[in-house]
Amino acid sequence: AMRDAVDEELFKAGVQVKQVEGNRNSSWVLMDYGDII
């Protein structure tokens, strides 16, 4: 839910994720948005 919320809110602001490490079963998810990780 945290991963999805961050991605959705940044997408609404016009920012797309560049890369995601980890999947829905991971206990660590990294979301790279370029200027923030």
Full PDB file with SEQRES, HELIX, SHEET, SSBOND, CRYST1, ORIGX, SCALE, CONECT and MASTER records, all heavy atoms in Angstrom:
SEQRES   1 A   37  ALA MET ARG ASP ALA VAL ASP GLU GLU LEU PHE LYS ALA          
SEQRES   2 A   37  GLY VAL GLN VAL LYS GLN VAL GLU GLY ASN ARG ASN SER          
SEQRES   3 A   37  SER TRP VAL LEU MET ASP TYR GLY ASP ILE ILE                  
HELIX    1 AA1 MET A    2  LYS A   12  1                                  11    
SHEET    1 AA1 2 GLN A  19  GLU A  21  0                                        
SHEET    2 AA1 2 LEU A  30  ASP A  32 -1                                        
CRYST1    1.000    1.000    1.000  90.00  90.00  90.00 P 1           1          
ORIGX1      1.000000  0.000000  0.000000        0.00000                         
ORIGX2      0.000000  1.000000  0.000000        0.00000                         
ORIGX3      0.000000  0.000000  1.000000        0.00000                         
SCALE1      1.000000  0.000000  0.000000        0.00000                         
SCALE2      0.000000  1.000000  0.000000        0.00000                         
SCALE3      0.000000  0.000000  1.000000        0.00000                         
ATOM      1  N   ALA A   1       0.832  -1.207   0.000  1.00  0.00           N  
ATOM      2  CA  ALA A   1       0.000   0.000   0.000  1.00  0.00           C  
ATOM      3  C   ALA A   1       0.869   1.260   0.000  1.00  0.00           C  
ATOM      4  O   ALA A   1       0.554   2.242  -0.687  1.00  0.00           O  
ATOM      5  CB  ALA A   1      -0.938   0.000   1.207  1.00  0.00           C  
ATOM      6  N   MET A   2       1.965   1.239   0.746  1.00  0.00           N  
ATOM      7  CA  MET A   2       2.871   2.383   0.797  1.00  0.00           C  
ATOM      8  C   MET A   2       3.506   2.602  -0.580  1.00  0.00           C  
ATOM      9  O   MET A   2       3.576   3.743  -1.068  1.00  0.00           O  
ATOM     10  CB  MET A   2       3.942   2.154   1.865  1.00  0.00           C  
ATOM     11  CG  MET A   2       3.389   2.197   3.280  1.00  0.00           C  
ATOM     12  SD  MET A   2       4.423   1.420   4.538  1.00  0.00           S  
ATOM     13  CE  MET A   2       5.985   2.209   4.322  1.00  0.00           C  
ATOM     14  N   ARG A   3       3.956   1.521  -1.193  1.00  0.00           N  
ATOM     15  CA  ARG A   3       4.563   1.609  -2.531  1.00  0.00           C  
ATOM     16  C   ARG A   3       3.560   2.194  -3.528  1.00  0.00           C  
ATOM     17  O   ARG A   3       3.882   3.110  -4.287  1.00  0.00           O  
ATOM     18  CB  ARG A   3       5.007   0.228  -2.974  1.00  0.00           C  
ATOM     19  CG  ARG A   3       5.441   0.168  -4.408  1.00  0.00           C  
ATOM     20  CD  ARG A   3       5.555  -1.245  -4.906  1.00  0.00           C  
ATOM     21  NE  ARG A   3       5.595  -1.236  -6.359  1.00  0.00           N  
ATOM     22  CZ  ARG A   3       6.125  -2.194  -7.067  1.00  0.00           C  
ATOM     23  NH1 ARG A   3       6.664  -3.241  -6.489  1.00  0.00           N  
ATOM     24  NH2 ARG A   3       6.115  -2.105  -8.373  1.00  0.00           N  
ATOM     25  N   ASP A   4       2.355   1.648  -3.535  1.00  0.00           N  
ATOM     26  CA  ASP A   4       1.334   2.104  -4.478  1.00  0.00           C  
ATOM     27  C   ASP A   4       0.957   3.567  -4.244  1.00  0.00           C  
ATOM     28  O   ASP A   4       0.758   4.324  -5.191  1.00  0.00           O  
ATOM     29  CB  ASP A   4       0.091   1.215  -4.381  1.00  0.00           C  
ATOM     30  CG  ASP A   4       0.332  -0.198  -4.899  1.00  0.00           C  
ATOM     31  OD1 ASP A   4       1.355  -0.437  -5.590  1.00  0.00           O  
ATOM     32  OD2 ASP A   4      -0.502  -1.076  -4.598  1.00  0.00           O  
ATOM     33  N   ALA A   5       0.861   3.969  -2.980  1.00  0.00           N  
ATOM     34  CA  ALA A   5       0.477   5.345  -2.665  1.00  0.00           C  
ATOM     35  C   ALA A   5       1.529   6.341  -3.139  1.00  0.00           C  
ATOM     36  O   ALA A   5       1.199   7.377  -3.731  1.00  0.00           O  
ATOM     37  CB  ALA A   5       0.251   5.496  -1.155  1.00  0.00           C  
ATOM     38  N   VAL A   6       2.803   6.037  -2.894  1.00  0.00           N  
ATOM     39  CA  VAL A   6       3.881   6.925  -3.345  1.00  0.00           C  
ATOM     40  C   VAL A   6       3.845   7.038  -4.861  1.00  0.00           C  
ATOM     41  O   VAL A   6       3.886   8.136  -5.426  1.00  0.00           O  
ATOM     42  CB  VAL A   6       5.264   6.424  -2.864  1.00  0.00           C  
ATOM     43  CG1 VAL A   6       6.391   7.182  -3.547  1.00  0.00           C  
ATOM     44  CG2 VAL A   6       5.373   6.555  -1.356  1.00  0.00           C  
ATOM     45  N   ASP A   7       3.753   5.896  -5.535  1.00  0.00           N  
ATOM     46  CA  ASP A   7       3.757   5.902  -6.995  1.00  0.00           C  
ATOM     47  C   ASP A   7       2.564   6.670  -7.559  1.00  0.00           C  
ATOM     48  O   ASP A   7       2.713   7.472  -8.485  1.00  0.00           O  
ATOM     49  CB  ASP A   7       3.770   4.463  -7.515  1.00  0.00           C  
ATOM     50  CG  ASP A   7       4.255   4.399  -8.952  1.00  0.00           C  
ATOM     51  OD1 ASP A   7       5.255   5.073  -9.275  1.00  0.00           O  
ATOM     52  OD2 ASP A   7       3.631   3.678  -9.749  1.00  0.00           O  
ATOM     53  N   GLU A   8       1.389   6.471  -6.974  1.00  0.00           N  
ATOM     54  CA  GLU A   8       0.189   7.147  -7.461  1.00  0.00           C  
ATOM     55  C   GLU A   8       0.279   8.661  -7.274  1.00  0.00           C  
ATOM     56  O   GLU A   8      -0.036   9.428  -8.186  1.00  0.00           O  
ATOM     57  CB  GLU A   8      -1.038   6.603  -6.736  1.00  0.00           C  
ATOM     58  CG  GLU A   8      -2.338   7.225  -7.205  1.00  0.00           C  
ATOM     59  CD  GLU A   8      -3.556   6.642  -6.515  1.00  0.00           C  
ATOM     60  OE1 GLU A   8      -3.520   5.469  -6.094  1.00  0.00           O  
ATOM     61  OE2 GLU A   8      -4.556   7.387  -6.391  1.00  0.00           O  
ATOM     62  N   GLU A   9       0.697   9.094  -6.085  1.00  0.00           N  
ATOM     63  CA  GLU A   9       0.751  10.533  -5.813  1.00  0.00           C  
ATOM     64  C   GLU A   9       1.817  11.239  -6.655  1.00  0.00           C  
ATOM     65  O   GLU A   9       1.590  12.348  -7.132  1.00  0.00           O  
ATOM     66  CB  GLU A   9       0.958  10.792  -4.324  1.00  0.00           C  
ATOM     67  CG  GLU A   9      -0.220  10.369  -3.462  1.00  0.00           C  
ATOM     68  CD  GLU A   9      -1.535  11.001  -3.880  1.00  0.00           C  
ATOM     69  OE1 GLU A   9      -1.572  12.222  -4.144  1.00  0.00           O  
ATOM     70  OE2 GLU A   9      -2.545  10.266  -3.952  1.00  0.00           O  
ATOM     71  N   LEU A  10       2.955  10.602  -6.834  1.00  0.00           N  
ATOM     72  CA  LEU A  10       3.984  11.227  -7.674  1.00  0.00           C  
ATOM     73  C   LEU A  10       3.560  11.221  -9.139  1.00  0.00           C  
ATOM     74  O   LEU A  10       3.826  12.180  -9.868  1.00  0.00           O  
ATOM     75  CB  LEU A  10       5.338  10.539  -7.477  1.00  0.00           C  
ATOM     76  CG  LEU A  10       6.027  10.917  -6.168  1.00  0.00           C  
ATOM     77  CD1 LEU A  10       7.252  10.045  -5.925  1.00  0.00           C  
ATOM     78  CD2 LEU A  10       6.428  12.391  -6.151  1.00  0.00           C  
ATOM     79  N   PHE A  11       2.879  10.182  -9.570  1.00  0.00           N  
ATOM     80  CA  PHE A  11       2.365  10.136 -10.944  1.00  0.00           C  
ATOM     81  C   PHE A  11       1.386  11.282 -11.182  1.00  0.00           C  
ATOM     82  O   PHE A  11       1.430  11.949 -12.209  1.00  0.00           O  
ATOM     83  CB  PHE A  11       1.706   8.778 -11.224  1.00  0.00           C  
ATOM     84  CG  PHE A  11       1.215   8.643 -12.636  1.00  0.00           C  
ATOM     85  CD1 PHE A  11       2.106   8.329 -13.659  1.00  0.00           C  
ATOM     86  CD2 PHE A  11      -0.123   8.838 -12.939  1.00  0.00           C  
ATOM     87  CE1 PHE A  11       1.653   8.208 -14.967  1.00  0.00           C  
ATOM     88  CE2 PHE A  11      -0.581   8.728 -14.247  1.00  0.00           C  
ATOM     89  CZ  PHE A  11       0.308   8.411 -15.268  1.00  0.00           C  
ATOM     90  N   LYS A  12       0.499  11.532 -10.197  1.00  0.00           N  
ATOM     91  CA  LYS A  12      -0.446  12.649 -10.294  1.00  0.00           C  
ATOM     92  C   LYS A  12       0.286  13.980 -10.424  1.00  0.00           C  
ATOM     93  O   LYS A  12      -0.224  14.923 -11.040  1.00  0.00           O  
ATOM     94  CB  LYS A  12      -1.351  12.699  -9.065  1.00  0.00           C  
ATOM     95  CG  LYS A  12      -2.414  11.641  -9.020  1.00  0.00           C  
ATOM     96  CD  LYS A  12      -3.214  11.811  -7.733  1.00  0.00           C  
ATOM     97  CE  LYS A  12      -4.197  10.710  -7.504  1.00  0.00           C  
ATOM     98  NZ  LYS A  12      -4.881  10.839  -6.189  1.00  0.00           N  
ATOM     99  N   ALA A  13       1.470  14.061  -9.831  1.00  0.00           N  
ATOM    100  CA  ALA A  13       2.272  15.291  -9.884  1.00  0.00           C  
ATOM    101  C   ALA A  13       3.127  15.349 -11.148  1.00  0.00           C  
ATOM    102  O   ALA A  13       3.916  16.274 -11.319  1.00  0.00           O  
ATOM    103  CB  ALA A  13       3.151  15.390  -8.641  1.00  0.00           C  
ATOM    104  N   GLY A  14       2.997  14.344 -12.004  1.00  0.00           N  
ATOM    105  CA  GLY A  14       3.725  14.352 -13.269  1.00  0.00           C  
ATOM    106  C   GLY A  14       5.078  13.675 -13.221  1.00  0.00           C  
ATOM    107  O   GLY A  14       5.901  13.855 -14.115  1.00  0.00           O  
ATOM    108  N   VAL A  15       5.324  12.886 -12.177  1.00  0.00           N  
ATOM    109  CA  VAL A  15       6.618  12.226 -12.017  1.00  0.00           C  
ATOM    110  C   VAL A  15       6.424  10.720 -12.180  1.00  0.00           C  
ATOM    111  O   VAL A  15       5.590  10.124 -11.495  1.00  0.00           O  
ATOM    112  CB  VAL A  15       7.229  12.512 -10.623  1.00  0.00           C  
ATOM    113  CG1 VAL A  15       8.576  11.839 -10.471  1.00  0.00           C  
ATOM    114  CG2 VAL A  15       7.332  14.004 -10.377  1.00  0.00           C  
ATOM    115  N   GLN A  16       7.205  10.144 -13.069  1.00  0.00           N  
ATOM    116  CA  GLN A  16       7.123   8.700 -13.269  1.00  0.00           C  
ATOM    117  C   GLN A  16       8.349   8.024 -12.685  1.00  0.00           C  
ATOM    118  O   GLN A  16       9.457   8.560 -12.758  1.00  0.00           O  
ATOM    119  CB  GLN A  16       7.010   8.371 -14.751  1.00  0.00           C  
ATOM    120  CG  GLN A  16       5.679   8.810 -15.329  1.00  0.00           C  
ATOM    121  CD  GLN A  16       5.445   8.246 -16.710  1.00  0.00           C  
ATOM    122  OE1 GLN A  16       6.282   7.558 -17.267  1.00  0.00           O  
ATOM    123  NE2 GLN A  16       4.288   8.537 -17.259  1.00  0.00           N  
ATOM    124  N   VAL A  17       8.122   6.858 -12.126  1.00  0.00           N  
ATOM    125  CA  VAL A  17       9.220   6.079 -11.552  1.00  0.00           C  
ATOM    126  C   VAL A  17      10.152   5.647 -12.677  1.00  0.00           C  
ATOM    127  O   VAL A  17       9.712   5.277 -13.761  1.00  0.00           O  
ATOM    128  CB  VAL A  17       8.678   4.884 -10.730  1.00  0.00           C  
ATOM    129  CG1 VAL A  17       8.006   3.846 -11.616  1.00  0.00           C  
ATOM    130  CG2 VAL A  17       9.767   4.255  -9.891  1.00  0.00           C  
ATOM    131  N   LYS A  18      11.452   5.747 -12.425  1.00  0.00           N  
ATOM    132  CA  LYS A  18      12.447   5.335 -13.409  1.00  0.00           C  
ATOM    133  C   LYS A  18      12.763   3.850 -13.280  1.00  0.00           C  
ATOM    134  O   LYS A  18      12.983   3.167 -14.263  1.00  0.00           O  
ATOM    135  CB  LYS A  18      13.712   6.160 -13.256  1.00  0.00           C  
ATOM    136  CG  LYS A  18      13.471   7.635 -13.570  1.00  0.00           C  
ATOM    137  CD  LYS A  18      14.736   8.436 -13.513  1.00  0.00           C  
ATOM    138  CE  LYS A  18      14.563   9.899 -13.767  1.00  0.00           C  
ATOM    139  NZ  LYS A  18      13.487  10.356 -14.568  1.00  0.00           N  
ATOM    140  N   GLN A  19      12.787   3.370 -12.037  1.00  0.00           N  
ATOM    141  CA  GLN A  19      13.083   1.960 -11.800  1.00  0.00           C  
ATOM    142  C   GLN A  19      12.555   1.555 -10.438  1.00  0.00           C  
ATOM    143  O   GLN A  19      12.588   2.332  -9.488  1.00  0.00           O  
ATOM    144  CB  GLN A  19      14.593   1.715 -11.857  1.00  0.00           C  
ATOM    145  CG  GLN A  19      14.955   0.265 -11.743  1.00  0.00           C  
ATOM    146  CD  GLN A  19      16.417   0.013 -12.087  1.00  0.00           C  
ATOM    147  OE1 GLN A  19      17.091   0.873 -12.618  1.00  0.00           O  
ATOM    148  NE2 GLN A  19      16.881  -1.164 -11.773  1.00  0.00           N  
ATOM    149  N   VAL A  20      12.090   0.306 -10.366  1.00  0.00           N  
ATOM    150  CA  VAL A  20      11.635  -0.265  -9.105  1.00  0.00           C  
ATOM    151  C   VAL A  20      12.394  -1.562  -8.892  1.00  0.00           C  
ATOM    152  O   VAL A  20      12.494  -2.391  -9.798  1.00  0.00           O  
ATOM    153  CB  VAL A  20      10.114  -0.546  -9.116  1.00  0.00           C  
ATOM    154  CG1 VAL A  20       9.693  -1.240  -7.829  1.00  0.00           C  
ATOM    155  CG2 VAL A  20       9.330   0.731  -9.321  1.00  0.00           C  
ATOM    156  N   GLU A  21      12.949  -1.708  -7.706  1.00  0.00           N  
ATOM    157  CA  GLU A  21      13.601  -2.959  -7.311  1.00  0.00           C  
ATOM    158  C   GLU A  21      12.741  -3.579  -6.223  1.00  0.00           C  
ATOM    159  O   GLU A  21      12.356  -2.904  -5.277  1.00  0.00           O  
ATOM    160  CB  GLU A  21      15.013  -2.706  -6.777  1.00  0.00           C  
ATOM    161  CG  GLU A  21      15.976  -2.158  -7.810  1.00  0.00           C  
ATOM    162  CD  GLU A  21      16.314  -3.158  -8.908  1.00  0.00           C  
ATOM    163  OE1 GLU A  21      16.299  -4.378  -8.650  1.00  0.00           O  
ATOM    164  OE2 GLU A  21      16.569  -2.709 -10.039  1.00  0.00           O  
ATOM    165  N   GLY A  22      12.457  -4.844  -6.360  1.00  0.00           N  
ATOM    166  CA  GLY A  22      11.569  -5.529  -5.434  1.00  0.00           C  
ATOM    167  C   GLY A  22      10.198  -5.652  -6.048  1.00  0.00           C  
ATOM    168  O   GLY A  22       9.806  -4.848  -6.894  1.00  0.00           O  
ATOM    169  N   ASN A  23       9.477  -6.677  -5.646  1.00  0.00           N  
ATOM    170  CA  ASN A  23       8.134  -6.894  -6.183  1.00  0.00           C  
ATOM    171  C   ASN A  23       7.127  -6.901  -5.041  1.00  0.00           C  
ATOM    172  O   ASN A  23       7.455  -6.583  -3.909  1.00  0.00           O  
ATOM    173  CB  ASN A  23       8.093  -8.196  -6.994  1.00  0.00           C  
ATOM    174  CG  ASN A  23       8.499  -9.398  -6.168  1.00  0.00           C  
ATOM    175  OD1 ASN A  23       8.193  -9.491  -4.990  1.00  0.00           O  
ATOM    176  ND2 ASN A  23       9.200 -10.330  -6.779  1.00  0.00           N  
ATOM    177  N   ARG A  24       5.934  -7.300  -5.344  1.00  0.00           N  
ATOM    178  CA  ARG A  24       4.853  -7.253  -4.351  1.00  0.00           C  
ATOM    179  C   ARG A  24       5.082  -8.203  -3.179  1.00  0.00           C  
ATOM    180  O   ARG A  24       4.436  -8.073  -2.155  1.00  0.00           O  
ATOM    181  CB  ARG A  24       3.523  -7.557  -5.025  1.00  0.00           C  
ATOM    182  CG  ARG A  24       3.195  -6.522  -6.083  1.00  0.00           C  
ATOM    183  CD  ARG A  24       1.733  -6.160  -6.031  1.00  0.00           C  
ATOM    184  NE  ARG A  24       1.426  -5.118  -6.989  1.00  0.00           N  
ATOM    185  CZ  ARG A  24       1.326  -3.844  -6.689  1.00  0.00           C  
ATOM    186  NH1 ARG A  24       1.525  -3.438  -5.459  1.00  0.00           N  
ATOM    187  NH2 ARG A  24       1.036  -2.957  -7.599  1.00  0.00           N  
ATOM    188  N   ASN A  25       6.007  -9.135  -3.321  1.00  0.00           N  
ATOM    189  CA  ASN A  25       6.306 -10.065  -2.231  1.00  0.00           C  
ATOM    190  C   ASN A  25       7.596  -9.713  -1.501  1.00  0.00           C  
ATOM    191  O   ASN A  25       8.034 -10.446  -0.622  1.00  0.00           O  
ATOM    192  CB  ASN A  25       6.398 -11.499  -2.768  1.00  0.00           C  
ATOM    193  CG  ASN A  25       5.093 -11.950  -3.368  1.00  0.00           C  
ATOM    194  OD1 ASN A  25       4.034 -11.689  -2.821  1.00  0.00           O  
ATOM    195  ND2 ASN A  25       5.154 -12.611  -4.508  1.00  0.00           N  
ATOM    196  N   SER A  26       8.216  -8.618  -1.870  1.00  0.00           N  
ATOM    197  CA  SER A  26       9.501  -8.236  -1.290  1.00  0.00           C  
ATOM    198  C   SER A  26       9.323  -7.541   0.053  1.00  0.00           C  
ATOM    199  O   SER A  26       8.329  -6.863   0.286  1.00  0.00           O  
ATOM    200  CB  SER A  26      10.258  -7.298  -2.234  1.00  0.00           C  
ATOM    201  OG  SER A  26      10.563  -7.955  -3.439  1.00  0.00           O  
ATOM    202  N   SER A  27      10.339  -7.686   0.893  1.00  0.00           N  
ATOM    203  CA  SER A  27      10.320  -6.998   2.183  1.00  0.00           C  
ATOM    204  C   SER A  27      11.146  -5.709   2.130  1.00  0.00           C  
ATOM    205  O   SER A  27      11.317  -5.039   3.131  1.00  0.00           O  
ATOM    206  CB  SER A  27      10.834  -7.925   3.280  1.00  0.00           C  
ATOM    207  OG  SER A  27      12.108  -8.411   2.952  1.00  0.00           O  
ATOM    208  N   TRP A  28      11.679  -5.397   0.940  1.00  0.00           N  
ATOM    209  CA  TRP A  28      12.356  -4.125   0.698  1.00  0.00           C  
ATOM    210  C   TRP A  28      12.057  -3.718  -0.727  1.00  0.00           C  
ATOM    211  O   TRP A  28      12.351  -4.457  -1.665  1.00  0.00           O  
ATOM    212  CB  TRP A  28      13.848  -4.253   0.906  1.00  0.00           C  
ATOM    213  CG  TRP A  28      14.669  -3.023   0.614  1.00  0.00           C  
ATOM    214  CD1 TRP A  28      14.225  -1.758   0.315  1.00  0.00           C  
ATOM    215  CD2 TRP A  28      16.095  -2.930   0.598  1.00  0.00           C  
ATOM    216  NE1 TRP A  28      15.273  -0.896   0.126  1.00  0.00           N  
ATOM    217  CE2 TRP A  28      16.438  -1.599   0.294  1.00  0.00           C  
ATOM    218  CE3 TRP A  28      17.104  -3.844   0.815  1.00  0.00           C  
ATOM    219  CZ2 TRP A  28      17.758  -1.159   0.190  1.00  0.00           C  
ATOM    220  CZ3 TRP A  28      18.417  -3.396   0.717  1.00  0.00           C  
ATOM    221  CH2 TRP A  28      18.736  -2.084   0.418  1.00  0.00           C  
ATOM    222  N   VAL A  29      11.449  -2.570  -0.898  1.00  0.00           N  
ATOM    223  CA  VAL A  29      11.149  -2.045  -2.226  1.00  0.00           C  
ATOM    224  C   VAL A  29      11.879  -0.721  -2.374  1.00  0.00           C  
ATOM    225  O   VAL A  29      11.815   0.135  -1.485  1.00  0.00           O  
ATOM    226  CB  VAL A  29       9.627  -1.845  -2.424  1.00  0.00           C  
ATOM    227  CG1 VAL A  29       9.343  -1.224  -3.774  1.00  0.00           C  
ATOM    228  CG2 VAL A  29       8.885  -3.157  -2.266  1.00  0.00           C  
ATOM    229  N   LEU A  30      12.601  -0.569  -3.472  1.00  0.00           N  
ATOM    230  CA  LEU A  30      13.298   0.666  -3.789  1.00  0.00           C  
ATOM    231  C   LEU A  30      12.625   1.261  -5.015  1.00  0.00           C  
ATOM    232  O   LEU A  30      12.467   0.579  -6.026  1.00  0.00           O  
ATOM    233  CB  LEU A  30      14.768   0.374  -4.087  1.00  0.00           C  
ATOM    234  CG  LEU A  30      15.646   1.554  -4.475  1.00  0.00           C  
ATOM    235  CD1 LEU A  30      17.072   1.304  -4.029  1.00  0.00           C  
ATOM    236  CD2 LEU A  30      15.615   1.846  -5.964  1.00  0.00           C  
ATOM    237  N   MET A  31      12.227   2.524  -4.909  1.00  0.00           N  
ATOM    238  CA  MET A  31      11.605   3.235  -6.023  1.00  0.00           C  
ATOM    239  C   MET A  31      12.480   4.436  -6.375  1.00  0.00           C  
ATOM    240  O   MET A  31      12.668   5.333  -5.558  1.00  0.00           O  
ATOM    241  CB  MET A  31      10.198   3.689  -5.639  1.00  0.00           C  
ATOM    242  CG  MET A  31       9.253   2.537  -5.362  1.00  0.00           C  
ATOM    243  SD  MET A  31       7.661   3.079  -4.713  1.00  0.00           S  
ATOM    244  CE  MET A  31       8.108   3.436  -3.019  1.00  0.00           C  
ATOM    245  N   ASP A  32      13.004   4.417  -7.580  1.00  0.00           N  
ATOM    246  CA  ASP A  32      13.917   5.465  -8.041  1.00  0.00           C  
ATOM    247  C   ASP A  32      13.153   6.438  -8.928  1.00  0.00           C  
ATOM    248  O   ASP A  32      12.689   6.075 -10.009  1.00  0.00           O  
ATOM    249  CB  ASP A  32      15.071   4.827  -8.806  1.00  0.00           C  
ATOM    250  CG  ASP A  32      16.099   5.828  -9.307  1.00  0.00           C  
ATOM    251  OD1 ASP A  32      15.879   7.048  -9.189  1.00  0.00           O  
ATOM    252  OD2 ASP A  32      17.137   5.375  -9.830  1.00  0.00           O  
ATOM    253  N   TYR A  33      13.039   7.668  -8.455  1.00  0.00           N  
ATOM    254  CA  TYR A  33      12.375   8.724  -9.213  1.00  0.00           C  
ATOM    255  C   TYR A  33      13.383   9.746  -9.743  1.00  0.00           C  
ATOM    256  O   TYR A  33      13.011  10.856 -10.091  1.00  0.00           O  
ATOM    257  CB  TYR A  33      11.325   9.418  -8.343  1.00  0.00           C  
ATOM    258  CG  TYR A  33      10.149   8.529  -8.028  1.00  0.00           C  
ATOM    259  CD1 TYR A  33      10.129   7.767  -6.872  1.00  0.00           C  
ATOM    260  CD2 TYR A  33       9.077   8.421  -8.908  1.00  0.00           C  
ATOM    261  CE1 TYR A  33       9.061   6.932  -6.590  1.00  0.00           C  
ATOM    262  CE2 TYR A  33       8.004   7.586  -8.632  1.00  0.00           C  
ATOM    263  CZ  TYR A  33       8.010   6.842  -7.480  1.00  0.00           C  
ATOM    264  OH  TYR A  33       6.953   6.002  -7.210  1.00  0.00           O  
ATOM    265  N   GLY A  34      14.632   9.369  -9.802  1.00  0.00           N  
ATOM    266  CA  GLY A  34      15.675  10.271 -10.283  1.00  0.00           C  
ATOM    267  C   GLY A  34      16.214  11.145  -9.183  1.00  0.00           C  
ATOM    268  O   GLY A  34      17.275  10.874  -8.639  1.00  0.00           O  
ATOM    269  N   ASP A  35      15.476  12.175  -8.806  1.00  0.00           N  
ATOM    270  CA  ASP A  35      15.935  13.113  -7.781  1.00  0.00           C  
ATOM    271  C   ASP A  35      15.684  12.629  -6.358  1.00  0.00           C  
ATOM    272  O   ASP A  35      16.280  13.139  -5.418  1.00  0.00           O  
ATOM    273  CB  ASP A  35      15.274  14.481  -7.967  1.00  0.00           C  
ATOM    274  CG  ASP A  35      15.754  15.177  -9.232  1.00  0.00           C  
ATOM    275  OD1 ASP A  35      16.856  14.850  -9.712  1.00  0.00           O  
ATOM    276  OD2 ASP A  35      15.014  16.041  -9.742  1.00  0.00           O  
ATOM    277  N   ILE A  36      14.764  11.685  -6.213  1.00  0.00           N  
ATOM    278  CA  ILE A  36      14.531  11.072  -4.901  1.00  0.00           C  
ATOM    279  C   ILE A  36      14.512   9.553  -5.067  1.00  0.00           C  
ATOM    280  O   ILE A  36      14.140   9.044  -6.125  1.00  0.00           O  
ATOM    281  CB  ILE A  36      13.234  11.546  -4.211  1.00  0.00           C  
ATOM    282  CG1 ILE A  36      11.987  11.032  -4.931  1.00  0.00           C  
ATOM    283  CG2 ILE A  36      13.215  13.058  -4.049  1.00  0.00           C  
ATOM    284  CD1 ILE A  36      10.707  11.187  -4.139  1.00  0.00           C  
ATOM    285  N   ILE A  37      14.931   8.875  -4.021  1.00  0.00           N  
ATOM    286  CA  ILE A  37      14.856   7.419  -3.976  1.00  0.00           C  
ATOM    287  C   ILE A  37      14.112   7.054  -2.702  1.00  0.00           C  
ATOM    288  O   ILE A  37      14.481   7.487  -1.607  1.00  0.00           O  
ATOM    289  CB  ILE A  37      16.253   6.774  -4.011  1.00  0.00           C  
ATOM    290  CG1 ILE A  37      16.946   7.135  -5.331  1.00  0.00           C  
ATOM    291  CG2 ILE A  37      16.142   5.257  -3.847  1.00  0.00           C  
ATOM    292  CD1 ILE A  37      18.377   6.656  -5.445  1.00  0.00           C  
TER     293      ILE A  37                                                      
MASTER        0    0    0    1    2    0    0    6  292    1    0    3          
END                                                                             
